[in-house]
Protein backbone atom coordinates (compact mmCIF):
# COMPACT_ATOMS: atom_id res chain seq x y z
CA UNK A 1 -57.08 32.36 -0.59
CA UNK A 2 -54.99 31.13 2.34
CA UNK A 3 -57.61 32.57 4.74
CA UNK A 4 -60.45 30.90 2.80
CA UNK A 5 -58.71 27.54 2.79
CA UNK A 6 -57.91 27.61 6.49
CA UNK A 7 -61.49 28.67 7.25
CA UNK A 8 -62.88 25.80 5.20
CA UNK A 9 -60.60 23.27 6.88
CA UNK A 10 -61.45 24.62 10.33
CA UNK A 11 -65.16 24.26 9.54
CA UNK A 12 -64.64 20.61 8.60
CA UNK A 13 -62.91 19.94 11.90
CA UNK A 14 -65.70 21.59 13.90
CA UNK A 15 -68.38 19.54 12.17
CA UNK A 16 -66.78 16.17 12.98
CA UNK A 17 -69.23 14.68 15.52
CA UNK A 18 -67.22 11.87 17.08
CA UNK A 19 -63.95 11.81 18.99
CA UNK A 20 -62.41 9.41 16.49
CA UNK A 21 -63.43 11.75 13.66
CA UNK A 22 -61.87 14.70 15.47
CA UNK A 23 -58.66 12.75 15.96
CA UNK A 24 -58.62 11.75 12.28
CA UNK A 25 -59.28 15.33 11.19
CA UNK A 26 -56.53 16.63 13.46
CA UNK A 27 -54.09 14.11 11.99
CA UNK A 28 -55.10 15.14 8.47
CA UNK A 29 -54.63 18.82 9.27
CA UNK A 30 -51.07 18.03 10.36
CA UNK A 31 -50.29 15.59 7.53
CA UNK A 32 -47.67 16.61 4.99
CA UNK A 33 -48.60 14.26 2.12
CA UNK A 34 -51.12 15.36 -0.53
CA UNK A 35 -53.13 13.54 -3.19
CA UNK A 36 -55.16 15.42 -5.77
CA UNK A 37 -56.75 13.54 -8.62
CA UNK A 38 -59.48 13.22 -11.21
CA UNK A 39 -61.43 10.47 -12.92
CA UNK A 40 -63.32 12.04 -15.83
CA UNK A 41 -65.34 10.29 -18.52
CA UNK A 42 -66.56 11.66 -21.86
CA UNK A 43 -69.15 9.71 -23.89
CA UNK A 44 -68.95 8.92 -27.59
CA UNK A 45 -70.44 11.71 -29.67
CA UNK A 46 -71.64 11.45 -33.27
CA UNK A 47 -72.12 14.60 -35.33
CA UNK A 48 -73.01 14.93 -38.99
CA UNK A 49 -70.38 16.41 -41.26
CA UNK A 50 -73.04 18.91 -42.34
CA UNK A 51 -73.31 20.18 -38.77
CA UNK A 52 -69.56 20.66 -38.55
CA UNK A 53 -69.67 22.60 -41.79
CA UNK A 54 -72.49 24.77 -40.47
CA UNK A 55 -75.44 23.34 -42.41
CA UNK A 56 -78.68 21.91 -41.08
CA UNK A 57 -78.39 18.17 -40.69
CA UNK A 58 -78.01 17.39 -37.04
CA UNK A 59 -76.91 13.85 -36.21
CA UNK A 60 -78.98 11.97 -38.82
CA UNK A 61 -78.38 11.40 -42.49
CA UNK A 62 -75.20 11.81 -44.52
CA UNK A 63 -71.66 11.30 -43.28
CA UNK A 64 -71.15 11.18 -39.53
CA UNK A 65 -68.02 12.21 -37.64
CA UNK A 66 -67.53 10.14 -34.47
CA UNK A 67 -65.69 11.39 -31.40
CA UNK A 68 -64.88 8.26 -29.36
CA UNK A 69 -65.64 8.23 -25.67
CA UNK A 70 -62.72 8.35 -23.29
CA UNK A 71 -62.06 7.94 -19.59
CA UNK A 72 -58.94 9.46 -18.05
CA UNK A 73 -57.48 9.23 -14.54
CA UNK A 74 -54.87 11.65 -13.17
CA UNK A 75 -53.17 11.89 -9.78
CA UNK A 76 -50.65 14.27 -8.28
CA UNK A 77 -48.90 12.82 -5.22
CA UNK A 78 -46.58 15.01 -3.20
CA UNK A 79 -45.60 16.59 0.09
CA UNK A 80 -45.92 20.04 1.57
CA UNK A 81 -44.04 21.74 4.38
CA UNK A 82 -45.71 24.70 6.08
CA UNK A 83 -49.02 26.45 5.43
CA UNK A 84 -47.85 28.47 2.44
CA UNK A 85 -45.62 25.83 0.83
CA UNK A 86 -46.24 24.67 -2.72
CA UNK A 87 -46.67 20.87 -2.80
CA UNK A 88 -43.60 19.10 -4.17
CA UNK A 89 -44.20 16.04 -6.33
CA UNK A 90 -42.99 12.58 -5.34
CA UNK A 91 -41.88 10.29 -8.13
CA UNK A 92 -41.46 6.52 -7.92
CA UNK A 93 -44.69 5.79 -6.02
CA UNK A 94 -47.09 2.99 -6.88
CA UNK A 95 -50.38 4.70 -7.72
CA UNK A 96 -53.64 2.89 -8.48
CA UNK A 97 -57.32 3.69 -8.94
CA UNK A 98 -59.79 1.23 -7.39
CA UNK A 99 -63.52 0.96 -7.96
CA UNK A 100 -64.97 -0.59 -4.83
CA UNK A 101 -63.28 -3.93 -4.11
CA UNK A 102 -62.15 -4.58 -7.69
CA UNK A 103 -58.49 -4.78 -8.62
CA UNK A 104 -56.76 -1.44 -8.96
CA UNK A 105 -55.86 0.13 -12.30
CA UNK A 106 -52.17 1.22 -12.27
CA UNK A 107 -51.43 4.85 -13.13
CA UNK A 108 -48.19 5.47 -15.00
CA UNK A 109 -45.58 7.83 -13.63
CA UNK A 110 -45.19 10.98 -15.73
CA UNK A 111 -42.56 12.76 -13.66
CA UNK A 112 -42.83 15.49 -11.04
CA UNK A 113 -45.30 13.55 -8.90
CA UNK A 114 -47.85 13.19 -11.72
CA UNK A 115 -49.41 9.84 -12.60
CA UNK A 116 -52.06 9.03 -15.18
CA UNK A 117 -53.72 6.58 -17.54
CA UNK A 118 -56.50 6.73 -20.15
CA UNK A 119 -58.92 4.19 -21.57
CA UNK A 120 -56.99 4.46 -24.84
CA UNK A 121 -54.20 2.43 -23.27
CA UNK A 122 -56.14 0.02 -21.04
CA UNK A 123 -59.58 -1.61 -21.12
CA UNK A 124 -59.58 -1.81 -17.33
CA UNK A 125 -60.25 1.89 -16.82
CA UNK A 126 -64.03 2.36 -16.79
CA UNK A 127 -66.42 4.89 -15.30
CA UNK A 128 -69.56 3.72 -13.49
CA UNK A 129 -72.15 6.06 -12.01
CA UNK A 130 -72.79 5.37 -8.33
CA UNK A 131 -69.41 3.72 -7.79
CA UNK A 132 -66.93 4.55 -5.03
CA UNK A 133 -63.42 5.31 -6.30
CA UNK A 134 -60.28 5.15 -4.19
CA UNK A 135 -57.06 6.83 -5.28
CA UNK A 136 -54.12 4.97 -3.68
CA UNK A 137 -50.47 5.96 -3.54
CA UNK A 138 -47.88 3.73 -1.90
CA UNK A 139 -44.27 4.65 -1.23
CA UNK A 140 -41.70 3.22 1.17
CA UNK A 141 -44.22 0.69 2.47
CA UNK A 142 -46.74 3.39 3.47
CA UNK A 143 -50.10 3.62 1.73
CA UNK A 144 -52.16 6.80 1.29
CA UNK A 145 -55.82 6.86 0.22
CA UNK A 146 -58.24 9.52 -1.01
CA UNK A 147 -61.81 8.55 -1.86
CA UNK A 148 -64.86 9.88 -3.69
CA UNK A 149 -68.23 8.18 -3.25
CA UNK A 150 -71.33 7.93 -5.44
CA UNK A 151 -69.85 8.96 -8.78
CA UNK A 152 -72.55 11.04 -10.53
CA UNK A 153 -74.56 10.32 -13.64
CA UNK A 154 -74.42 12.45 -16.76
CA UNK A 155 -76.25 15.75 -16.31
CA UNK A 156 -78.54 16.42 -19.27
CA UNK A 157 -78.24 19.98 -20.62
CA UNK A 158 -81.24 20.68 -22.82
CA UNK A 159 -79.64 23.68 -24.55
CA UNK A 160 -76.96 21.40 -26.01
CA UNK A 161 -79.49 19.49 -28.10
CA UNK A 162 -81.65 21.70 -30.37
CA UNK A 163 -83.54 20.08 -33.24
CA UNK A 164 -80.91 21.31 -35.68
CA UNK A 165 -78.33 19.10 -33.99
CA UNK A 166 -75.98 21.92 -32.97
CA UNK A 167 -76.22 25.32 -31.29
CA UNK A 168 -75.87 28.45 -33.42
CA UNK A 169 -74.01 31.18 -31.54
CA UNK A 170 -72.29 34.49 -32.28
CA UNK A 171 -68.51 34.47 -32.15
CA UNK A 172 -66.87 36.45 -29.33
CA UNK A 173 -70.05 36.24 -27.27
CA UNK A 174 -70.52 34.64 -23.86
CA UNK A 175 -72.57 31.44 -23.86
CA UNK A 176 -74.94 30.59 -20.98
CA UNK A 177 -76.86 27.47 -20.11
CA UNK A 178 -78.91 26.28 -17.14
CA UNK A 179 -78.23 23.11 -15.22
CA UNK A 180 -81.16 20.87 -14.20
CA UNK A 181 -82.18 20.84 -10.56
CA UNK A 182 -80.51 18.13 -8.46
CA UNK A 183 -82.56 15.21 -7.11
CA UNK A 184 -84.46 15.88 -3.86
CA UNK A 185 -82.28 16.02 -0.74
CA UNK A 186 -79.07 16.01 -2.77
CA UNK A 187 -76.53 18.76 -3.27
CA UNK A 188 -75.81 19.91 -6.79
CA UNK A 189 -72.64 18.36 -8.15
CA UNK A 190 -69.68 20.49 -9.19
CA UNK A 191 -69.69 21.53 -12.84
CA UNK A 192 -66.64 22.08 -15.04
CA UNK A 193 -66.48 23.22 -18.67
CA UNK A 194 -63.96 22.70 -21.46
CA UNK A 195 -64.32 24.19 -24.97
CA UNK A 196 -62.38 22.71 -27.91
CA UNK A 197 -62.44 24.00 -31.52
CA UNK A 198 -63.19 21.44 -34.25
CA UNK A 199 -62.06 21.28 -37.85
CA UNK A 200 -64.41 20.45 -40.71
CA UNK A 201 -63.20 16.82 -40.57
CA UNK A 202 -63.57 16.60 -36.81
CA UNK A 203 -59.96 17.20 -35.83
CA UNK A 204 -59.61 18.78 -32.37
CA UNK A 205 -57.61 21.93 -31.69
CA UNK A 206 -56.21 23.29 -28.44
CA UNK A 207 -58.84 24.11 -25.82
CA UNK A 208 -59.92 27.74 -25.91
CA UNK A 209 -61.34 27.56 -22.38
CA UNK A 210 -61.31 25.22 -19.39
CA UNK A 211 -61.99 25.69 -15.68
CA UNK A 212 -61.07 22.12 -14.72
CA UNK A 213 -58.41 22.31 -11.98
CA UNK A 214 -55.03 20.99 -13.11
CA UNK A 215 -52.44 22.18 -10.58
CA UNK A 216 -52.19 21.17 -6.90
CA UNK A 217 -52.83 24.78 -5.86
CA UNK A 218 -56.04 24.92 -7.94
CA UNK A 219 -57.27 21.73 -6.23
CA UNK A 220 -56.57 23.24 -2.80
CA UNK A 221 -58.47 26.37 -3.82
CA UNK A 222 -61.37 24.18 -4.94
CA UNK A 223 -61.51 22.63 -1.47
CA UNK A 224 -62.03 26.12 -0.04
CA UNK A 225 -64.58 27.46 -2.56
CA UNK A 226 -66.58 24.59 -4.12
CA UNK A 227 -69.78 26.68 -4.22
CA UNK A 228 -68.39 28.62 -7.19
CA UNK A 229 -68.85 25.47 -9.29
CA UNK A 230 -72.38 24.67 -8.10
CA UNK A 231 -74.20 27.64 -9.61
CA UNK A 232 -77.41 26.67 -11.48
CA UNK A 233 -76.46 28.87 -14.46
CA UNK A 234 -73.11 28.40 -16.18
CA UNK A 235 -71.51 31.20 -18.20
CA UNK A 236 -68.72 30.42 -20.65
CA UNK A 237 -66.73 33.58 -21.45
CA UNK A 238 -66.76 35.14 -24.91
CA UNK A 239 -63.07 34.36 -25.35
CA UNK A 240 -63.94 30.65 -25.60
CA UNK A 241 -65.51 31.29 -29.03
CA UNK A 242 -63.02 33.58 -30.78
CA UNK A 243 -63.57 32.65 -34.43
CA UNK A 244 -66.67 32.98 -36.63
CA UNK A 245 -67.81 30.06 -38.80
CA UNK A 246 -66.15 27.64 -36.39
CA UNK A 247 -67.48 24.52 -34.67
CA UNK A 248 -66.68 24.04 -30.99
CA UNK A 249 -67.05 20.98 -28.77
CA UNK A 250 -68.46 22.06 -25.39
CA UNK A 251 -67.82 19.48 -22.66
CA UNK A 252 -69.65 19.86 -19.35
CA UNK A 253 -68.45 17.57 -16.57
CA UNK A 254 -70.79 16.86 -13.64
CA UNK A 255 -68.39 15.96 -10.84
CA UNK A 256 -68.53 14.77 -7.26
CA UNK A 257 -65.74 15.76 -4.89
CA UNK A 258 -64.09 13.53 -2.32
CA UNK A 259 -61.14 13.83 0.01
CA UNK A 260 -58.61 12.02 2.18
CA UNK A 261 -59.64 8.66 3.63
CA UNK A 262 -56.42 7.72 5.43
CA UNK A 263 -55.16 9.70 8.43
CA UNK A 264 -51.79 10.38 6.82
CA UNK A 265 -53.12 12.59 3.99
CA UNK A 266 -53.52 16.37 4.27
CA UNK A 267 -57.13 17.43 4.82
CA UNK A 268 -57.01 19.66 1.73
CA UNK A 269 -56.44 16.69 -0.58
CA UNK A 270 -59.17 16.68 -3.25
CA UNK A 271 -60.25 13.95 -5.66
CA UNK A 272 -62.96 14.26 -8.32
CA UNK A 273 -65.02 11.76 -10.30
CA UNK A 274 -67.51 12.70 -13.00
CA UNK A 275 -68.93 12.19 -16.45
CA UNK A 276 -69.72 14.59 -19.24
CA UNK A 277 -72.54 15.99 -21.35
CA UNK A 278 -71.37 17.23 -24.74
CA UNK A 279 -72.74 19.78 -27.18
CA UNK A 280 -71.66 21.25 -30.51
CA UNK A 281 -71.66 25.05 -30.88
CA UNK A 282 -71.33 26.60 -34.34
CA UNK A 283 -70.42 30.30 -34.44
CA UNK A 284 -71.84 32.84 -36.88
């Protein structure tokens, strides 16, 4: 992985066309501060109680269980020393998320260099397709910025929406679906999946599967191998659906990746912004 990461970073430096870009890239290769972060939105989903129980009913008629939409922002801010060093978190920084020129939304310190906030605790955190998001960290009078541009729209997955209102699927069986083609002259966004079991009343359990990066090392690996998350066909492993007669919430995030904007951030810093398509899978 070290070789892949260094190769990817070297490629970025070679592709910089202007002297000022080369100087900025060189500074970022040498920088010892790191920001990795996510801004992920999930829409409100309404599912009939009959669907959760495994009966035909879809999303119309009878009692409806509502899963509120949520937007969550997370940042890890830290330093690294040497090529193989694990980033070490920095606490006590002022971390904000800005959409364009609007006022920043503060992210609360959670210890160990982690900072976060959700729309459950503030009305100011919103997701807007097409927006540019800047992740700022400030400490000791120095400001660091990572940026992602053109936040994507929700990616419609037709397989998530059969007439029955939920997908019937065999337990302990891999689940595949195809992503729509990207717009002309645009790269396919990254795609991440999370699977969460649901109770008959809509209560959520612990995720049985997720490939969303969560650790600084996983973000650095993503910078080296983003193509793994751009495949047109997505396969969720069989272990994500372990129990028969169980409803699962399948969340597919279409995500755009950004990186360091300021010269003083390591080139491997990665920030993500995206929004989700959601389906209900009911196992046999």
